[in-house]
Amino acid sequence: MDTKTIKKRIKKIEEKQWDHEAAHGMEDDLYIDFIKYIAKQKGEYAKEARAVLRVKKLDFGRYCA
């Protein structure tokens, strides 16, 4: 995930900011995708990123208002 891709996704979120719930979901998706990107690397923080992603395996309701 390069800076260009990140900037494009932020621009799309910016265009949707009038729809708070959609923008919030897109923001969360960006964070998750970035953590997944780090987790696939061999560098620093990859192990920690994989640990963070374990929270997505927890079974509980995730609600947005």
PDB file of N, CA and C in Angstrom:
ATOM      1  N   MET A   1       0.864  -1.172   0.000  1.00  0.00           N
ATOM      2  CA  MET A   1       0.000   0.000   0.000  1.00  0.00           C
ATOM      3  C   MET A   1       0.906   1.228   0.000  1.00  0.00           C
ATOM      4  N   ASP A   2       0.871   1.929  -1.086  1.00  0.00           N
ATOM      5  CA  ASP A   2       1.731   3.098  -1.191  1.00  0.00           C
ATOM      6  C   ASP A   2       0.977   4.386  -0.832  1.00  0.00           C
ATOM      7  N   THR A   3       1.729   5.463  -0.729  1.00  0.00           N
ATOM      8  CA  THR A   3       1.158   6.748  -0.340  1.00  0.00           C
ATOM      9  C   THR A   3       0.092   7.207  -1.329  1.00  0.00           C
ATOM     10  N   LYS A   4       0.303   6.952  -2.607  1.00  0.00           N
ATOM     11  CA  LYS A   4      -0.667   7.345  -3.631  1.00  0.00           C
ATOM     12  C   LYS A   4      -2.018   6.669  -3.391  1.00  0.00           C
ATOM     13  N   THR A   5      -1.997   5.389  -3.104  1.00  0.00           N
ATOM     14  CA  THR A   5      -3.216   4.641  -2.824  1.00  0.00           C
ATOM     15  C   THR A   5      -3.910   5.177  -1.577  1.00  0.00           C
ATOM     16  N   ILE A   6      -3.142   5.435  -0.550  1.00  0.00           N
ATOM     17  CA  ILE A   6      -3.699   5.961   0.693  1.00  0.00           C
ATOM     18  C   ILE A   6      -4.362   7.312   0.443  1.00  0.00           C
ATOM     19  N   LYS A   7      -3.696   8.182  -0.294  1.00  0.00           N
ATOM     20  CA  LYS A   7      -4.251   9.510  -0.583  1.00  0.00           C
ATOM     21  C   LYS A   7      -5.553   9.404  -1.382  1.00  0.00           C
ATOM     22  N   LYS A   8      -5.611   8.469  -2.334  1.00  0.00           N
ATOM     23  CA  LYS A   8      -6.839   8.264  -3.109  1.00  0.00           C
ATOM     24  C   LYS A   8      -7.990   7.828  -2.203  1.00  0.00           C
ATOM     25  N   ARG A   9      -7.686   6.933  -1.293  1.00  0.00           N
ATOM     26  CA  ARG A   9      -8.739   6.446  -0.399  1.00  0.00           C
ATOM     27  C   ARG A   9      -9.196   7.534   0.555  1.00  0.00           C
ATOM     28  N   ILE A  10      -8.272   8.347   1.029  1.00  0.00           N
ATOM     29  CA  ILE A  10      -8.647   9.464   1.894  1.00  0.00           C
ATOM     30  C   ILE A  10      -9.521  10.451   1.120  1.00  0.00           C
ATOM     31  N   LYS A  11      -9.203  10.685  -0.136  1.00  0.00           N
ATOM     32  CA  LYS A  11     -10.010  11.582  -0.975  1.00  0.00           C
ATOM     33  C   LYS A  11     -11.434  11.051  -1.100  1.00  0.00           C
ATOM     34  N   LYS A  12     -11.581   9.739  -1.279  1.00  0.00           N
ATOM     35  CA  LYS A  12     -12.919   9.141  -1.368  1.00  0.00           C
ATOM     36  C   LYS A  12     -13.678   9.291  -0.056  1.00  0.00           C
ATOM     37  N   ILE A  13     -12.986   9.144   1.063  1.00  0.00           N
ATOM     38  CA  ILE A  13     -13.612   9.350   2.377  1.00  0.00           C
ATOM     39  C   ILE A  13     -14.045  10.806   2.505  1.00  0.00           C
ATOM     40  N   GLU A  14     -13.177  11.700   2.091  1.00  0.00           N
ATOM     41  CA  GLU A  14     -13.475  13.138   2.152  1.00  0.00           C
ATOM     42  C   GLU A  14     -14.739  13.464   1.345  1.00  0.00           C
ATOM     43  N   GLU A  15     -14.883  12.828   0.194  1.00  0.00           N
ATOM     44  CA  GLU A  15     -16.051  13.050  -0.648  1.00  0.00           C
ATOM     45  C   GLU A  15     -17.327  12.501  -0.027  1.00  0.00           C
ATOM     46  N   LYS A  16     -17.204  11.562   0.888  1.00  0.00           N
ATOM     47  CA  LYS A  16     -18.353  10.923   1.542  1.00  0.00           C
ATOM     48  C   LYS A  16     -18.603  11.448   2.950  1.00  0.00           C
ATOM     49  N   GLN A  17     -17.853  12.431   3.394  1.00  0.00           N
ATOM     50  CA  GLN A  17     -17.948  12.834   4.795  1.00  0.00           C
ATOM     51  C   GLN A  17     -19.327  13.359   5.186  1.00  0.00           C
ATOM     52  N   TRP A  18     -20.153  13.726   4.226  1.00  0.00           N
ATOM     53  CA  TRP A  18     -21.526  14.135   4.526  1.00  0.00           C
ATOM     54  C   TRP A  18     -22.341  12.951   5.053  1.00  0.00           C
ATOM     55  N   ASP A  19     -21.949  11.737   4.669  1.00  0.00           N
ATOM     56  CA  ASP A  19     -22.596  10.504   5.141  1.00  0.00           C
ATOM     57  C   ASP A  19     -21.707   9.917   6.235  1.00  0.00           C
ATOM     58  N   HIS A  20     -21.946  10.317   7.453  1.00  0.00           N
ATOM     59  CA  HIS A  20     -21.063   9.983   8.576  1.00  0.00           C
ATOM     60  C   HIS A  20     -20.821   8.482   8.713  1.00  0.00           C
ATOM     61  N   GLU A  21     -21.884   7.699   8.592  1.00  0.00           N
ATOM     62  CA  GLU A  21     -21.726   6.253   8.785  1.00  0.00           C
ATOM     63  C   GLU A  21     -20.875   5.631   7.675  1.00  0.00           C
ATOM     64  N   ALA A  22     -21.113   6.030   6.438  1.00  0.00           N
ATOM     65  CA  ALA A  22     -20.326   5.499   5.321  1.00  0.00           C
ATOM     66  C   ALA A  22     -18.862   5.923   5.439  1.00  0.00           C
ATOM     67  N   ALA A  23     -18.640   7.190   5.748  1.00  0.00           N
ATOM     68  CA  ALA A  23     -17.263   7.689   5.893  1.00  0.00           C
ATOM     69  C   ALA A  23     -16.545   6.970   7.025  1.00  0.00           C
ATOM     70  N   HIS A  24     -17.270   6.744   8.112  1.00  0.00           N
ATOM     71  CA  HIS A  24     -16.678   6.039   9.252  1.00  0.00           C
ATOM     72  C   HIS A  24     -16.275   4.620   8.856  1.00  0.00           C
ATOM     73  N   GLY A  25     -17.146   3.940   8.127  1.00  0.00           N
ATOM     74  CA  GLY A  25     -16.832   2.588   7.662  1.00  0.00           C
ATOM     75  C   GLY A  25     -15.640   2.567   6.725  1.00  0.00           C
ATOM     76  N   MET A  26     -15.579   3.546   5.836  1.00  0.00           N
ATOM     77  CA  MET A  26     -14.452   3.636   4.904  1.00  0.00           C
ATOM     78  C   MET A  26     -13.149   3.926   5.649  1.00  0.00           C
ATOM     79  N   GLU A  27     -13.249   4.753   6.676  1.00  0.00           N
ATOM     80  CA  GLU A  27     -12.071   5.050   7.506  1.00  0.00           C
ATOM     81  C   GLU A  27     -11.582   3.776   8.198  1.00  0.00           C
ATOM     82  N   ASP A  28     -12.514   3.039   8.807  1.00  0.00           N
ATOM     83  CA  ASP A  28     -12.142   1.778   9.463  1.00  0.00           C
ATOM     84  C   ASP A  28     -11.509   0.805   8.470  1.00  0.00           C
ATOM     85  N   ASP A  29     -12.082   0.724   7.269  1.00  0.00           N
ATOM     86  CA  ASP A  29     -11.533  -0.172   6.248  1.00  0.00           C
ATOM     87  C   ASP A  29     -10.107   0.212   5.873  1.00  0.00           C
ATOM     88  N   LEU A  30      -9.847   1.507   5.790  1.00  0.00           N
ATOM     89  CA  LEU A  30      -8.489   1.961   5.479  1.00  0.00           C
ATOM     90  C   LEU A  30      -7.521   1.536   6.573  1.00  0.00           C
ATOM     91  N   TYR A  31      -7.907   1.736   7.821  1.00  0.00           N
ATOM     92  CA  TYR A  31      -7.046   1.327   8.939  1.00  0.00           C
ATOM     93  C   TYR A  31      -6.764  -0.176   8.887  1.00  0.00           C
ATOM     94  N   ILE A  32      -7.814  -0.966   8.689  1.00  0.00           N
ATOM     95  CA  ILE A  32      -7.664  -2.424   8.663  1.00  0.00           C
ATOM     96  C   ILE A  32      -6.780  -2.852   7.491  1.00  0.00           C
ATOM     97  N   ASP A  33      -7.022  -2.274   6.326  1.00  0.00           N
ATOM     98  CA  ASP A  33      -6.211  -2.632   5.151  1.00  0.00           C
ATOM     99  C   ASP A  33      -4.742  -2.264   5.356  1.00  0.00           C
ATOM    100  N   PHE A  34      -4.498  -1.141   6.006  1.00  0.00           N
ATOM    101  CA  PHE A  34      -3.116  -0.748   6.263  1.00  0.00           C
ATOM    102  C   PHE A  34      -2.454  -1.704   7.257  1.00  0.00           C
ATOM    103  N   ILE A  35      -3.171  -2.093   8.277  1.00  0.00           N
ATOM    104  CA  ILE A  35      -2.622  -3.050   9.245  1.00  0.00           C
ATOM    105  C   ILE A  35      -2.353  -4.389   8.552  1.00  0.00           C
ATOM    106  N   LYS A  36      -3.249  -4.814   7.669  1.00  0.00           N
ATOM    107  CA  LYS A  36      -3.025  -6.047   6.906  1.00  0.00           C
ATOM    108  C   LYS A  36      -1.773  -5.918   6.034  1.00  0.00           C
ATOM    109  N   TYR A  37      -1.588  -4.763   5.433  1.00  0.00           N
ATOM    110  CA  TYR A  37      -0.398  -4.520   4.612  1.00  0.00           C
ATOM    111  C   TYR A  37       0.866  -4.669   5.449  1.00  0.00           C
ATOM    112  N   ILE A  38       0.893  -4.052   6.614  1.00  0.00           N
ATOM    113  CA  ILE A  38       2.050  -4.142   7.508  1.00  0.00           C
ATOM    114  C   ILE A  38       2.261  -5.593   7.941  1.00  0.00           C
ATOM    115  N   ALA A  39       1.174  -6.296   8.238  1.00  0.00           N
ATOM    116  CA  ALA A  39       1.258  -7.681   8.701  1.00  0.00           C
ATOM    117  C   ALA A  39       1.902  -8.600   7.665  1.00  0.00           C
ATOM    118  N   LYS A  40       1.763  -8.281   6.388  1.00  0.00           N
ATOM    119  CA  LYS A  40       2.326  -9.112   5.320  1.00  0.00           C
ATOM    120  C   LYS A  40       3.805  -8.830   5.068  1.00  0.00           C
ATOM    121  N   GLN A  41       4.312  -7.762   5.642  1.00  0.00           N
ATOM    122  CA  GLN A  41       5.708  -7.400   5.432  1.00  0.00           C
ATOM    123  C   GLN A  41       6.620  -8.244   6.325  1.00  0.00           C
ATOM    124  N   LYS A  42       7.888  -8.219   6.037  1.00  0.00           N
ATOM    125  CA  LYS A  42       8.863  -8.940   6.856  1.00  0.00           C
ATOM    126  C   LYS A  42       9.574  -7.995   7.811  1.00  0.00           C
ATOM    127  N   GLY A  43       9.241  -6.729   7.738  1.00  0.00           N
ATOM    128  CA  GLY A  43       9.943  -5.732   8.526  1.00  0.00           C
ATOM    129  C   GLY A  43       9.413  -5.575   9.932  1.00  0.00           C
ATOM    130  N   GLU A  44       9.858  -4.492  10.517  1.00  0.00           N
ATOM    131  CA  GLU A  44       9.473  -4.144  11.876  1.00  0.00           C
ATOM    132  C   GLU A  44       7.956  -3.975  11.954  1.00  0.00           C
ATOM    133  N   TYR A  45       7.385  -4.423  13.032  1.00  0.00           N
ATOM    134  CA  TYR A  45       5.962  -4.305  13.361  1.00  0.00           C
ATOM    135  C   TYR A  45       5.049  -5.315  12.679  1.00  0.00           C
ATOM    136  N   ALA A  46       5.548  -6.162  11.804  1.00  0.00           N
ATOM    137  CA  ALA A  46       4.687  -7.147  11.145  1.00  0.00           C
ATOM    138  C   ALA A  46       4.056  -8.098  12.167  1.00  0.00           C
ATOM    139  N   LYS A  47       4.853  -8.555  13.109  1.00  0.00           N
ATOM    140  CA  LYS A  47       4.342  -9.468  14.145  1.00  0.00           C
ATOM    141  C   LYS A  47       3.264  -8.775  14.968  1.00  0.00           C
ATOM    142  N   GLU A  48       3.498  -7.532  15.319  1.00  0.00           N
ATOM    143  CA  GLU A  48       2.526  -6.781  16.111  1.00  0.00           C
ATOM    144  C   GLU A  48       1.249  -6.539  15.309  1.00  0.00           C
ATOM    145  N   ALA A  49       1.389  -6.252  14.030  1.00  0.00           N
ATOM    146  CA  ALA A  49       0.224  -6.032  13.176  1.00  0.00           C
ATOM    147  C   ALA A  49      -0.624  -7.294  13.092  1.00  0.00           C
ATOM    148  N   ARG A  50       0.018  -8.452  12.961  1.00  0.00           N
ATOM    149  CA  ARG A  50      -0.734  -9.717  12.940  1.00  0.00           C
ATOM    150  C   ARG A  50      -1.463  -9.931  14.255  1.00  0.00           C
ATOM    151  N   ALA A  51      -0.850  -9.544  15.348  1.00  0.00           N
ATOM    152  CA  ALA A  51      -1.492  -9.675  16.660  1.00  0.00           C
ATOM    153  C   ALA A  51      -2.724  -8.775  16.741  1.00  0.00           C
ATOM    154  N   VAL A  52      -2.601  -7.557  16.248  1.00  0.00           N
ATOM    155  CA  VAL A  52      -3.734  -6.625  16.266  1.00  0.00           C
ATOM    156  C   VAL A  52      -4.902  -7.176  15.447  1.00  0.00           C
ATOM    157  N   LEU A  53      -4.614  -7.794  14.318  1.00  0.00           N
ATOM    158  CA  LEU A  53      -5.672  -8.308  13.450  1.00  0.00           C
ATOM    159  C   LEU A  53      -6.473  -9.436  14.087  1.00  0.00           C
ATOM    160  N   ARG A  54      -5.948 -10.049  15.120  1.00  0.00           N
ATOM    161  CA  ARG A  54      -6.692 -11.118  15.806  1.00  0.00           C
ATOM    162  C   ARG A  54      -8.013 -10.626  16.372  1.00  0.00           C
ATOM    163  N   VAL A  55      -8.116  -9.338  16.651  1.00  0.00           N
ATOM    164  CA  VAL A  55      -9.357  -8.793  17.207  1.00  0.00           C
ATOM    165  C   VAL A  55     -10.520  -8.971  16.226  1.00  0.00           C
ATOM    166  N   LYS A  56     -10.234  -9.030  14.933  1.00  0.00           N
ATOM    167  CA  LYS A  56     -11.286  -9.212  13.937  1.00  0.00           C
ATOM    168  C   LYS A  56     -11.908 -10.600  14.008  1.00  0.00           C
ATOM    169  N   LYS A  57     -11.230 -11.539  14.663  1.00  0.00           N
ATOM    170  CA  LYS A  57     -11.751 -12.897  14.794  1.00  0.00           C
ATOM    171  C   LYS A  57     -12.694 -13.048  15.986  1.00  0.00           C
ATOM    172  N   LEU A  58     -12.765 -12.034  16.833  1.00  0.00           N
ATOM    173  CA  LEU A  58     -13.656 -12.088  17.993  1.00  0.00           C
ATOM    174  C   LEU A  58     -15.109 -11.995  17.524  1.00  0.00           C
ATOM    175  N   ASP A  59     -15.970 -12.743  18.179  1.00  0.00           N
ATOM    176  CA  ASP A  59     -17.364 -12.824  17.791  1.00  0.00           C
ATOM    177  C   ASP A  59     -18.221 -11.942  18.700  1.00  0.00           C
ATOM    178  N   PHE A  60     -18.426 -10.708  18.261  1.00  0.00           N
ATOM    179  CA  PHE A  60     -19.334  -9.811  18.977  1.00  0.00           C
ATOM    180  C   PHE A  60     -19.922  -8.830  17.966  1.00  0.00           C
ATOM    181  N   GLY A  61     -21.059  -8.269  18.311  1.00  0.00           N
ATOM    182  CA  GLY A  61     -21.725  -7.335  17.413  1.00  0.00           C
ATOM    183  C   GLY A  61     -20.913  -6.050  17.251  1.00  0.00           C
ATOM    184  N   ARG A  62     -20.813  -5.602  16.060  1.00  0.00           N
ATOM    185  CA  ARG A  62     -20.127  -4.338  15.782  1.00  0.00           C
ATOM    186  C   ARG A  62     -21.161  -3.393  15.171  1.00  0.00           C
ATOM    187  N   TYR A  63     -21.643  -2.502  16.011  1.00  0.00           N
ATOM    188  CA  TYR A  63     -22.727  -1.607  15.598  1.00  0.00           C
ATOM    189  C   TYR A  63     -22.252  -0.196  15.374  1.00  0.00           C
ATOM    190  N   CYS A  64     -22.887   0.462  14.448  1.00  0.00           N
ATOM    191  CA  CYS A  64     -22.681   1.890  14.216  1.00  0.00           C
ATOM    192  C   CYS A  64     -24.035   2.568  14.297  1.00  0.00           C
ATOM    193  N   ALA A  65     -24.034   3.736  14.857  1.00  0.00           N
ATOM    194  CA  ALA A  65     -25.300   4.471  14.956  1.00  0.00           C
ATOM    195  C   ALA A  65     -25.438   5.442  13.811  1.00  0.00           C
TER     196      ALA A  65
END
